[in-house]
Amino acid sequence: TNFHTFSSGNDWGYSEFLDGNYLNSRRNDLITDDRLRVYVGVVVDGGGGGGGGGGGKIDDG
């Protein structure tokens, strides 16, 4: 598993974040029948670095 830490800045993403050869490799089985399969893992760091959020509590009422 590869990890990437995003730094704050004025850009909207990274142009070379995911290699096209990796996407198109049949071995990785990510593109079939013109559909892209995406696996996502998200880790939220509550370290107080800004970016909004209210301490991780969900208010559904």
N, C-alpha and C. Protein backbone atom coordinates (compact mmCIF):
# COMPACT_ATOMS: atom_id res chain seq x y z
N THR A 1 0.85 -1.18 0.00
CA THR A 1 0.00 0.00 0.00
C THR A 1 0.89 1.24 0.00
N ASN A 2 0.56 2.18 -0.87
CA ASN A 2 1.28 3.44 -0.93
C ASN A 2 0.50 4.51 -0.22
N PHE A 3 1.19 5.39 0.47
CA PHE A 3 0.56 6.49 1.17
C PHE A 3 1.08 7.80 0.62
N HIS A 4 0.26 8.81 0.62
CA HIS A 4 0.66 10.13 0.19
C HIS A 4 0.11 11.15 1.17
N THR A 5 0.95 12.04 1.63
CA THR A 5 0.52 13.11 2.51
C THR A 5 0.38 14.38 1.68
N PHE A 6 -0.82 14.94 1.65
CA PHE A 6 -1.06 16.15 0.90
C PHE A 6 -0.63 17.35 1.72
N SER A 7 0.12 18.23 1.11
CA SER A 7 0.52 19.46 1.79
C SER A 7 -0.41 20.59 1.37
N SER A 8 -0.53 21.60 2.22
CA SER A 8 -1.38 22.72 1.86
C SER A 8 -0.65 23.57 0.82
N GLY A 9 -1.42 24.18 -0.03
CA GLY A 9 -0.87 25.00 -1.10
C GLY A 9 -1.98 25.56 -1.94
N ASN A 10 -1.61 26.14 -3.05
CA ASN A 10 -2.59 26.78 -3.92
C ASN A 10 -2.97 25.93 -5.12
N ASP A 11 -2.63 24.66 -5.13
CA ASP A 11 -2.96 23.82 -6.28
C ASP A 11 -4.17 22.94 -5.97
N TRP A 12 -4.74 22.38 -7.03
CA TRP A 12 -5.94 21.54 -6.91
C TRP A 12 -5.61 20.06 -6.99
N GLY A 13 -4.37 19.71 -7.10
CA GLY A 13 -4.01 18.30 -7.20
C GLY A 13 -2.62 18.13 -7.76
N TYR A 14 -2.28 16.93 -8.07
CA TYR A 14 -0.95 16.61 -8.57
C TYR A 14 -1.08 15.97 -9.94
N SER A 15 -0.41 16.56 -10.93
CA SER A 15 -0.54 16.08 -12.31
C SER A 15 0.06 14.70 -12.51
N GLU A 16 0.99 14.30 -11.69
CA GLU A 16 1.63 13.00 -11.85
C GLU A 16 1.37 12.10 -10.65
N PHE A 17 0.23 12.24 -10.02
CA PHE A 17 -0.07 11.49 -8.82
C PHE A 17 -0.24 9.99 -9.10
N LEU A 18 -0.92 9.64 -10.18
CA LEU A 18 -1.15 8.24 -10.52
C LEU A 18 -0.68 7.98 -11.94
N ASP A 19 0.20 7.04 -12.10
CA ASP A 19 0.80 6.73 -13.39
C ASP A 19 -0.21 6.04 -14.31
N GLY A 20 -0.30 6.50 -15.55
CA GLY A 20 -1.22 5.93 -16.52
C GLY A 20 -0.94 4.46 -16.81
N ASN A 21 0.32 4.06 -16.81
CA ASN A 21 0.66 2.66 -17.04
C ASN A 21 0.11 1.77 -15.94
N TYR A 22 0.11 2.28 -14.71
CA TYR A 22 -0.46 1.52 -13.60
C TYR A 22 -1.96 1.34 -13.78
N LEU A 23 -2.64 2.41 -14.21
CA LEU A 23 -4.08 2.33 -14.44
C LEU A 23 -4.44 1.33 -15.53
N ASN A 24 -3.67 1.35 -16.62
CA ASN A 24 -4.00 0.53 -17.77
C ASN A 24 -3.51 -0.91 -17.69
N SER A 25 -2.74 -1.24 -16.67
CA SER A 25 -2.23 -2.59 -16.54
C SER A 25 -3.36 -3.58 -16.25
N ARG A 26 -3.48 -4.59 -17.09
CA ARG A 26 -4.51 -5.62 -16.87
C ARG A 26 -4.27 -6.36 -15.56
N ARG A 27 -3.02 -6.42 -15.14
CA ARG A 27 -2.68 -7.11 -13.89
C ARG A 27 -3.36 -6.45 -12.69
N ASN A 28 -3.51 -5.13 -12.73
CA ASN A 28 -4.12 -4.41 -11.62
C ASN A 28 -5.65 -4.46 -11.66
N ASP A 29 -6.23 -4.82 -12.81
CA ASP A 29 -7.68 -5.00 -12.96
C ASP A 29 -8.46 -3.77 -12.47
N LEU A 30 -7.98 -2.58 -12.83
CA LEU A 30 -8.68 -1.36 -12.42
C LEU A 30 -9.63 -0.84 -13.48
N ILE A 31 -9.31 -1.08 -14.76
CA ILE A 31 -10.19 -0.61 -15.83
C ILE A 31 -10.71 -1.82 -16.59
N THR A 32 -12.03 -2.03 -16.53
CA THR A 32 -12.69 -3.08 -17.30
C THR A 32 -14.01 -2.53 -17.81
N ASP A 33 -14.36 -2.88 -19.03
CA ASP A 33 -15.62 -2.45 -19.66
C ASP A 33 -15.82 -0.94 -19.55
N ASP A 34 -14.75 -0.18 -19.81
CA ASP A 34 -14.79 1.29 -19.77
C ASP A 34 -15.22 1.83 -18.41
N ARG A 35 -14.93 1.11 -17.36
CA ARG A 35 -15.22 1.57 -16.00
C ARG A 35 -13.94 1.52 -15.18
N LEU A 36 -13.76 2.52 -14.34
CA LEU A 36 -12.59 2.60 -13.47
C LEU A 36 -12.98 2.18 -12.07
N ARG A 37 -12.31 1.17 -11.56
CA ARG A 37 -12.54 0.70 -10.19
C ARG A 37 -11.58 1.46 -9.28
N VAL A 38 -12.13 2.07 -8.24
CA VAL A 38 -11.33 2.90 -7.33
C VAL A 38 -11.44 2.36 -5.92
N TYR A 39 -10.30 2.15 -5.29
CA TYR A 39 -10.25 1.74 -3.89
C TYR A 39 -9.71 2.92 -3.10
N VAL A 40 -10.41 3.31 -2.07
CA VAL A 40 -10.03 4.51 -1.32
C VAL A 40 -9.92 4.19 0.16
N GLY A 41 -8.85 4.62 0.76
CA GLY A 41 -8.70 4.56 2.21
C GLY A 41 -8.48 5.97 2.72
N VAL A 42 -9.22 6.36 3.72
CA VAL A 42 -9.14 7.72 4.23
C VAL A 42 -8.78 7.69 5.71
N VAL A 43 -7.81 8.49 6.08
CA VAL A 43 -7.44 8.67 7.48
C VAL A 43 -7.60 10.14 7.79
N VAL A 44 -8.39 10.44 8.81
CA VAL A 44 -8.62 11.83 9.21
C VAL A 44 -7.77 12.11 10.44
N ASP A 45 -6.93 13.13 10.32
CA ASP A 45 -6.05 13.52 11.42
C ASP A 45 -6.69 14.68 12.15
N GLY A 46 -7.02 14.49 13.41
CA GLY A 46 -7.64 15.54 14.20
C GLY A 46 -6.61 16.38 14.92
N GLY A 47 -5.47 16.63 14.29
CA GLY A 47 -4.37 17.34 14.92
C GLY A 47 -4.54 18.84 15.03
N GLY A 48 -5.69 19.38 14.63
CA GLY A 48 -5.92 20.81 14.77
C GLY A 48 -5.20 21.64 13.75
N GLY A 49 -4.93 21.08 12.58
CA GLY A 49 -4.22 21.81 11.55
C GLY A 49 -5.10 22.67 10.68
N GLY A 50 -6.31 22.96 11.11
CA GLY A 50 -7.21 23.78 10.30
C GLY A 50 -8.04 22.92 9.38
N GLY A 51 -8.62 23.54 8.39
CA GLY A 51 -9.41 22.81 7.42
C GLY A 51 -10.83 22.55 7.85
N GLY A 52 -11.31 23.28 8.83
CA GLY A 52 -12.70 23.12 9.25
C GLY A 52 -12.90 21.91 10.13
N GLY A 53 -14.11 21.50 10.25
CA GLY A 53 -14.42 20.36 11.09
C GLY A 53 -14.61 20.77 12.53
N GLY A 54 -15.41 20.04 13.22
CA GLY A 54 -15.71 20.42 14.59
C GLY A 54 -15.37 19.35 15.60
N GLY A 55 -14.22 18.78 15.50
CA GLY A 55 -13.80 17.82 16.52
C GLY A 55 -14.25 16.40 16.27
N GLY A 56 -14.84 16.13 15.12
CA GLY A 56 -15.18 14.77 14.76
C GLY A 56 -16.54 14.30 15.23
N LYS A 57 -17.32 15.12 15.90
CA LYS A 57 -18.64 14.72 16.36
C LYS A 57 -19.65 14.93 15.24
N ILE A 58 -20.50 13.93 15.02
CA ILE A 58 -21.52 14.01 13.99
C ILE A 58 -22.85 14.34 14.63
N ASP A 59 -23.48 15.41 14.14
CA ASP A 59 -24.78 15.82 14.65
C ASP A 59 -25.81 15.51 13.58
N ASP A 60 -26.62 14.49 13.79
CA ASP A 60 -27.61 14.11 12.79
C ASP A 60 -29.00 14.62 13.15
N GLY A 61 -29.11 15.58 14.04
CA GLY A 61 -30.41 16.08 14.44
C GLY A 61 -30.55 17.47 14.16
